[in-house]
Amino acid sequence: MTEAGITSKLCLLSNGLSWKDSMIIDKDGEIVKTVWKLWNWETIFLNLRNQYCKNEEDNEWESMNDESPCI
């Protein structure tokens, strides 16, 4: 990617990612613009569904600063 002039970073899972002002940022504070996933979509949506159900029960579904994103 570097040879193509694209700046990139390797992030494993969502460790080091968090919400800030409705944007996902990395551990260096840089805004994440694109995510390339290498795992099963079913896992992603199951995790997202579980988080959604938990938030529905708690009556909250707003992204909070410093909270880890579900990606």
PDB file of N, CA and C in Angstrom:
ATOM      1  N   MET A   1       0.816  -1.176   0.000  1.00  0.00           N
ATOM      2  CA  MET A   1       0.000   0.000   0.000  1.00  0.00           C
ATOM      3  C   MET A   1       0.869   1.253   0.000  1.00  0.00           C
ATOM      4  N   THR A   2       1.977   1.179   0.699  1.00  0.00           N
ATOM      5  CA  THR A   2       2.878   2.322   0.739  1.00  0.00           C
ATOM      6  C   THR A   2       3.373   2.666  -0.661  1.00  0.00           C
ATOM      7  N   GLU A   3       3.671   1.629  -1.451  1.00  0.00           N
ATOM      8  CA  GLU A   3       4.135   1.858  -2.823  1.00  0.00           C
ATOM      9  C   GLU A   3       3.080   2.560  -3.666  1.00  0.00           C
ATOM     10  N   ALA A   4       1.816   2.390  -3.312  1.00  0.00           N
ATOM     11  CA  ALA A   4       0.726   3.043  -4.035  1.00  0.00           C
ATOM     12  C   ALA A   4       0.429   4.436  -3.463  1.00  0.00           C
ATOM     13  N   GLY A   5       1.195   4.840  -2.452  1.00  0.00           N
ATOM     14  CA  GLY A   5       0.991   6.155  -1.858  1.00  0.00           C
ATOM     15  C   GLY A   5      -0.125   6.203  -0.833  1.00  0.00           C
ATOM     16  N   ILE A   6      -0.500   5.023  -0.326  1.00  0.00           N
ATOM     17  CA  ILE A   6      -1.582   4.945   0.657  1.00  0.00           C
ATOM     18  C   ILE A   6      -0.978   4.694   2.037  1.00  0.00           C
ATOM     19  N   THR A   7      -1.251   5.596   2.960  1.00  0.00           N
ATOM     20  CA  THR A   7      -0.784   5.425   4.328  1.00  0.00           C
ATOM     21  C   THR A   7      -1.686   4.411   5.019  1.00  0.00           C
ATOM     22  N   SER A   8      -1.085   3.445   5.701  1.00  0.00           N
ATOM     23  CA  SER A   8      -1.898   2.424   6.366  1.00  0.00           C
ATOM     24  C   SER A   8      -1.265   2.016   7.686  1.00  0.00           C
ATOM     25  N   LYS A   9      -2.084   1.400   8.526  1.00  0.00           N
ATOM     26  CA  LYS A   9      -1.633   0.858   9.805  1.00  0.00           C
ATOM     27  C   LYS A   9      -2.292  -0.490  10.002  1.00  0.00           C
ATOM     28  N   LEU A  10      -1.643  -1.337  10.764  1.00  0.00           N
ATOM     29  CA  LEU A  10      -2.205  -2.636  11.106  1.00  0.00           C
ATOM     30  C   LEU A  10      -2.804  -2.554  12.506  1.00  0.00           C
ATOM     31  N   CYS A  11      -4.080  -2.855  12.604  1.00  0.00           N
ATOM     32  CA  CYS A  11      -4.770  -2.912  13.900  1.00  0.00           C
ATOM     33  C   CYS A  11      -5.374  -4.300  14.020  1.00  0.00           C
ATOM     34  N   LEU A  12      -5.093  -4.981  15.092  1.00  0.00           N
ATOM     35  CA  LEU A  12      -5.664  -6.299  15.313  1.00  0.00           C
ATOM     36  C   LEU A  12      -6.908  -6.158  16.171  1.00  0.00           C
ATOM     37  N   LEU A  13      -8.014  -6.715  15.662  1.00  0.00           N
ATOM     38  CA  LEU A  13      -9.321  -6.561  16.294  1.00  0.00           C
ATOM     39  C   LEU A  13      -9.613  -5.076  16.437  1.00  0.00           C
ATOM     40  N   SER A  14     -10.279  -4.669  17.474  1.00  0.00           N
ATOM     41  CA  SER A  14     -10.534  -3.233  17.636  1.00  0.00           C
ATOM     42  C   SER A  14      -9.708  -2.666  18.788  1.00  0.00           C
ATOM     43  N   ASN A  15      -8.676  -3.407  19.194  1.00  0.00           N
ATOM     44  CA  ASN A  15      -7.798  -2.920  20.255  1.00  0.00           C
ATOM     45  C   ASN A  15      -7.121  -1.633  19.793  1.00  0.00           C
ATOM     46  N   GLY A  16      -7.147  -0.634  20.620  1.00  0.00           N
ATOM     47  CA  GLY A  16      -6.512   0.627  20.276  1.00  0.00           C
ATOM     48  C   GLY A  16      -7.405   1.570  19.500  1.00  0.00           C
ATOM     49  N   LEU A  17      -8.638   1.166  19.191  1.00  0.00           N
ATOM     50  CA  LEU A  17      -9.580   2.042  18.503  1.00  0.00           C
ATOM     51  C   LEU A  17     -10.611   2.534  19.504  1.00  0.00           C
ATOM     52  N   SER A  18     -11.046   3.773  19.323  1.00  0.00           N
ATOM     53  CA  SER A  18     -12.076   4.312  20.215  1.00  0.00           C
ATOM     54  C   SER A  18     -12.858   5.404  19.497  1.00  0.00           C
ATOM     55  N   TRP A  19     -13.976   5.775  20.103  1.00  0.00           N
ATOM     56  CA  TRP A  19     -14.808   6.857  19.570  1.00  0.00           C
ATOM     57  C   TRP A  19     -14.289   8.187  20.081  1.00  0.00           C
ATOM     58  N   LYS A  20     -14.338   9.205  19.218  1.00  0.00           N
ATOM     59  CA  LYS A  20     -14.069  10.581  19.632  1.00  0.00           C
ATOM     60  C   LYS A  20     -14.875  11.493  18.723  1.00  0.00           C
ATOM     61  N   ASP A  21     -15.798  12.229  19.292  1.00  0.00           N
ATOM     62  CA  ASP A  21     -16.636  13.158  18.522  1.00  0.00           C
ATOM     63  C   ASP A  21     -17.299  12.474  17.328  1.00  0.00           C
ATOM     64  N   SER A  22     -17.883  11.308  17.561  1.00  0.00           N
ATOM     65  CA  SER A  22     -18.604  10.515  16.549  1.00  0.00           C
ATOM     66  C   SER A  22     -17.710   9.976  15.438  1.00  0.00           C
ATOM     67  N   MET A  23     -16.409   9.931  15.660  1.00  0.00           N
ATOM     68  CA  MET A  23     -15.476   9.351  14.689  1.00  0.00           C
ATOM     69  C   MET A  23     -14.648   8.290  15.396  1.00  0.00           C
ATOM     70  N   ILE A  24     -14.208   7.298  14.639  1.00  0.00           N
ATOM     71  CA  ILE A  24     -13.338   6.273  15.199  1.00  0.00           C
ATOM     72  C   ILE A  24     -11.899   6.737  15.023  1.00  0.00           C
ATOM     73  N   ILE A  25     -11.145   6.692  16.119  1.00  0.00           N
ATOM     74  CA  ILE A  25      -9.739   7.077  16.063  1.00  0.00           C
ATOM     75  C   ILE A  25      -8.876   5.913  16.531  1.00  0.00           C
ATOM     76  N   ASP A  26      -7.601   5.929  16.112  1.00  0.00           N
ATOM     77  CA  ASP A  26      -6.680   4.887  16.556  1.00  0.00           C
ATOM     78  C   ASP A  26      -5.940   5.361  17.804  1.00  0.00           C
ATOM     79  N   LYS A  27      -5.019   4.523  18.284  1.00  0.00           N
ATOM     80  CA  LYS A  27      -4.321   4.836  19.533  1.00  0.00           C
ATOM     81  C   LYS A  27      -3.442   6.076  19.421  1.00  0.00           C
ATOM     82  N   ASP A  28      -3.117   6.487  18.173  1.00  0.00           N
ATOM     83  CA  ASP A  28      -2.321   7.691  17.956  1.00  0.00           C
ATOM     84  C   ASP A  28      -3.190   8.935  17.772  1.00  0.00           C
ATOM     85  N   GLY A  29      -4.522   8.762  17.864  1.00  0.00           N
ATOM     86  CA  GLY A  29      -5.441   9.879  17.704  1.00  0.00           C
ATOM     87  C   GLY A  29      -5.794  10.201  16.264  1.00  0.00           C
ATOM     88  N   GLU A  30      -5.373   9.342  15.318  1.00  0.00           N
ATOM     89  CA  GLU A  30      -5.679   9.568  13.909  1.00  0.00           C
ATOM     90  C   GLU A  30      -7.047   8.981  13.563  1.00  0.00           C
ATOM     91  N   ILE A  31      -7.800   9.693  12.725  1.00  0.00           N
ATOM     92  CA  ILE A  31      -9.131   9.249  12.316  1.00  0.00           C
ATOM     93  C   ILE A  31      -9.013   8.034  11.399  1.00  0.00           C
ATOM     94  N   VAL A  32      -9.802   6.999  11.681  1.00  0.00           N
ATOM     95  CA  VAL A  32      -9.847   5.801  10.844  1.00  0.00           C
ATOM     96  C   VAL A  32     -10.839   6.067   9.717  1.00  0.00           C
ATOM     97  N   LYS A  33     -10.346   6.001   8.477  1.00  0.00           N
ATOM     98  CA  LYS A  33     -11.198   6.296   7.324  1.00  0.00           C
ATOM     99  C   LYS A  33     -11.682   5.033   6.626  1.00  0.00           C
ATOM    100  N   THR A  34     -10.862   3.999   6.622  1.00  0.00           N
ATOM    101  CA  THR A  34     -11.200   2.760   5.924  1.00  0.00           C
ATOM    102  C   THR A  34     -10.781   1.577   6.779  1.00  0.00           C
ATOM    103  N   VAL A  35     -11.616   0.544   6.787  1.00  0.00           N
ATOM    104  CA  VAL A  35     -11.292  -0.685   7.516  1.00  0.00           C
ATOM    105  C   VAL A  35     -11.313  -1.840   6.531  1.00  0.00           C
ATOM    106  N   TRP A  36     -10.255  -2.622   6.512  1.00  0.00           N
ATOM    107  CA  TRP A  36     -10.178  -3.825   5.697  1.00  0.00           C
ATOM    108  C   TRP A  36     -10.302  -4.986   6.655  1.00  0.00           C
ATOM    109  N   LYS A  37     -11.340  -5.757   6.491  1.00  0.00           N
ATOM    110  CA  LYS A  37     -11.571  -6.846   7.434  1.00  0.00           C
ATOM    111  C   LYS A  37     -11.124  -8.172   6.838  1.00  0.00           C
ATOM    112  N   LEU A  38     -10.585  -8.998   7.692  1.00  0.00           N
ATOM    113  CA  LEU A  38     -10.137 -10.322   7.266  1.00  0.00           C
ATOM    114  C   LEU A  38     -10.780 -11.422   8.098  1.00  0.00           C
ATOM    115  N   TRP A  39     -11.937 -11.153   8.675  1.00  0.00           N
ATOM    116  CA  TRP A  39     -12.618 -12.199   9.421  1.00  0.00           C
ATOM    117  C   TRP A  39     -14.053 -12.326   8.934  1.00  0.00           C
ATOM    118  N   ASN A  40     -14.723 -13.304   9.414  1.00  0.00           N
ATOM    119  CA  ASN A  40     -16.056 -13.676   8.968  1.00  0.00           C
ATOM    120  C   ASN A  40     -17.088 -12.582   9.268  1.00  0.00           C
ATOM    121  N   TRP A  41     -17.871 -12.212   8.253  1.00  0.00           N
ATOM    122  CA  TRP A  41     -18.921 -11.208   8.452  1.00  0.00           C
ATOM    123  C   TRP A  41     -19.919 -11.644   9.520  1.00  0.00           C
ATOM    124  N   GLU A  42     -20.197 -12.928   9.599  1.00  0.00           N
ATOM    125  CA  GLU A  42     -21.154 -13.426  10.593  1.00  0.00           C
ATOM    126  C   GLU A  42     -20.705 -13.047  12.006  1.00  0.00           C
ATOM    127  N   THR A  43     -19.417 -13.168  12.265  1.00  0.00           N
ATOM    128  CA  THR A  43     -18.876 -12.803  13.571  1.00  0.00           C
ATOM    129  C   THR A  43     -19.066 -11.318  13.842  1.00  0.00           C
ATOM    130  N   ILE A  44     -18.794 -10.504  12.837  1.00  0.00           N
ATOM    131  CA  ILE A  44     -18.937  -9.057  12.994  1.00  0.00           C
ATOM    132  C   ILE A  44     -20.376  -8.699  13.346  1.00  0.00           C
ATOM    133  N   PHE A  45     -21.334  -9.232  12.565  1.00  0.00           N
ATOM    134  CA  PHE A  45     -22.726  -8.873  12.796  1.00  0.00           C
ATOM    135  C   PHE A  45     -23.274  -9.478  14.081  1.00  0.00           C
ATOM    136  N   LEU A  46     -22.797 -10.636  14.479  1.00  0.00           N
ATOM    137  CA  LEU A  46     -23.220 -11.220  15.746  1.00  0.00           C
ATOM    138  C   LEU A  46     -22.757 -10.332  16.901  1.00  0.00           C
ATOM    139  N   ASN A  47     -21.502  -9.894  16.847  1.00  0.00           N
ATOM    140  CA  ASN A  47     -20.987  -9.005  17.891  1.00  0.00           C
ATOM    141  C   ASN A  47     -21.763  -7.692  17.928  1.00  0.00           C
ATOM    142  N   LEU A  48     -22.042  -7.133  16.751  1.00  0.00           N
ATOM    143  CA  LEU A  48     -22.793  -5.881  16.678  1.00  0.00           C
ATOM    144  C   LEU A  48     -24.213  -6.070  17.206  1.00  0.00           C
ATOM    145  N   ARG A  49     -24.853  -7.183  16.845  1.00  0.00           N
ATOM    146  CA  ARG A  49     -26.212  -7.473  17.314  1.00  0.00           C
ATOM    147  C   ARG A  49     -26.238  -7.609  18.835  1.00  0.00           C
ATOM    148  N   ASN A  50     -25.268  -8.335  19.378  1.00  0.00           N
ATOM    149  CA  ASN A  50     -25.207  -8.511  20.831  1.00  0.00           C
ATOM    150  C   ASN A  50     -25.053  -7.169  21.544  1.00  0.00           C
ATOM    151  N   GLN A  51     -24.190  -6.305  21.004  1.00  0.00           N
ATOM    152  CA  GLN A  51     -23.999  -4.983  21.609  1.00  0.00           C
ATOM    153  C   GLN A  51     -25.271  -4.158  21.491  1.00  0.00           C
ATOM    154  N   TYR A  52     -25.944  -4.232  20.336  1.00  0.00           N
ATOM    155  CA  TYR A  52     -27.190  -3.492  20.128  1.00  0.00           C
ATOM    156  C   TYR A  52     -28.249  -3.945  21.137  1.00  0.00           C
ATOM    157  N   CYS A  53     -28.393  -5.264  21.305  1.00  0.00           N
ATOM    158  CA  CYS A  53     -29.390  -5.792  22.251  1.00  0.00           C
ATOM    159  C   CYS A  53     -29.078  -5.342  23.672  1.00  0.00           C
ATOM    160  N   LYS A  54     -27.804  -5.364  24.039  1.00  0.00           N
ATOM    161  CA  LYS A  54     -27.412  -4.913  25.379  1.00  0.00           C
ATOM    162  C   LYS A  54     -27.761  -3.439  25.559  1.00  0.00           C
ATOM    163  N   ASN A  55     -27.469  -2.628  24.552  1.00  0.00           N
ATOM    164  CA  ASN A  55     -27.765  -1.196  24.649  1.00  0.00           C
ATOM    165  C   ASN A  55     -29.264  -0.932  24.673  1.00  0.00           C
ATOM    166  N   GLU A  56     -30.032  -1.738  23.940  1.00  0.00           N
ATOM    167  CA  GLU A  56     -31.492  -1.592  23.962  1.00  0.00           C
ATOM    168  C   GLU A  56     -32.019  -1.872  25.363  1.00  0.00           C
ATOM    169  N   GLU A  57     -31.478  -2.909  26.008  1.00  0.00           N
ATOM    170  CA  GLU A  57     -31.900  -3.240  27.368  1.00  0.00           C
ATOM    171  C   GLU A  57     -31.553  -2.111  28.333  1.00  0.00           C
ATOM    172  N   ASP A  58     -30.389  -1.516  28.120  1.00  0.00           N
ATOM    173  CA  ASP A  58     -29.940  -0.426  28.994  1.00  0.00           C
ATOM    174  C   ASP A  58     -30.531   0.915  28.579  1.00  0.00           C
ATOM    175  N   ASN A  59     -31.291   0.910  27.477  1.00  0.00           N
ATOM    176  CA  ASN A  59     -31.932   2.119  26.949  1.00  0.00           C
ATOM    177  C   ASN A  59     -30.924   3.171  26.503  1.00  0.00           C
ATOM    178  N   GLU A  60     -29.796   2.733  25.946  1.00  0.00           N
ATOM    179  CA  GLU A  60     -28.807   3.674  25.451  1.00  0.00           C
ATOM    180  C   GLU A  60     -28.208   3.140  24.151  1.00  0.00           C
ATOM    181  N   TRP A  61     -28.056   4.005  23.167  1.00  0.00           N
ATOM    182  CA  TRP A  61     -27.427   3.612  21.910  1.00  0.00           C
ATOM    183  C   TRP A  61     -26.708   4.799  21.298  1.00  0.00           C
ATOM    184  N   GLU A  62     -25.929   5.473  22.082  1.00  0.00           N
ATOM    185  CA  GLU A  62     -25.144   6.584  21.583  1.00  0.00           C
ATOM    186  C   GLU A  62     -23.680   6.230  21.737  1.00  0.00           C
ATOM    187  N   SER A  63     -22.887   6.578  20.715  1.00  0.00           N
ATOM    188  CA  SER A  63     -21.456   6.337  20.834  1.00  0.00           C
ATOM    189  C   SER A  63     -20.886   7.318  21.853  1.00  0.00           C
ATOM    190  N   MET A  64     -20.061   6.804  22.710  1.00  0.00           N
ATOM    191  CA  MET A  64     -19.475   7.627  23.752  1.00  0.00           C
ATOM    192  C   MET A  64     -17.988   7.775  23.476  1.00  0.00           C
ATOM    193  N   ASN A  65     -17.449   8.962  23.739  1.00  0.00           N
ATOM    194  CA  ASN A  65     -16.016   9.154  23.584  1.00  0.00           C
ATOM    195  C   ASN A  65     -15.270   8.130  24.428  1.00  0.00           C
ATOM    196  N   ASP A  66     -14.197   7.609  23.878  1.00  0.00           N
ATOM    197  CA  ASP A  66     -13.312   6.626  24.508  1.00  0.00           C
ATOM    198  C   ASP A  66     -13.886   5.218  24.560  1.00  0.00           C
ATOM    199  N   GLU A  67     -15.129   5.008  24.110  1.00  0.00           N
ATOM    200  CA  GLU A  67     -15.711   3.668  24.048  1.00  0.00           C
ATOM    201  C   GLU A  67     -15.150   2.959  22.811  1.00  0.00           C
ATOM    202  N   SER A  68     -14.889   1.665  22.910  1.00  0.00           N
ATOM    203  CA  SER A  68     -14.390   0.917  21.754  1.00  0.00           C
ATOM    204  C   SER A  68     -15.507   0.698  20.747  1.00  0.00           C
ATOM    205  N   PRO A  69     -15.216   0.883  19.453  1.00  0.00           N
ATOM    206  CA  PRO A  69     -16.235   0.678  18.423  1.00  0.00           C
ATOM    207  C   PRO A  69     -16.461  -0.794  18.145  1.00  0.00           C
ATOM    208  N   CYS A  70     -17.620  -1.130  17.621  1.00  0.00           N
ATOM    209  CA  CYS A  70     -17.931  -2.503  17.209  1.00  0.00           C
ATOM    210  C   CYS A  70     -17.630  -2.628  15.723  1.00  0.00           C
ATOM    211  N   ILE A  71     -16.413  -3.010  15.401  1.00  0.00           N
ATOM    212  CA  ILE A  71     -16.068  -3.223  13.991  1.00  0.00           C
ATOM    213  C   ILE A  71     -15.382  -4.541  13.832  1.00  0.00           C
TER     214      ILE A  71
END
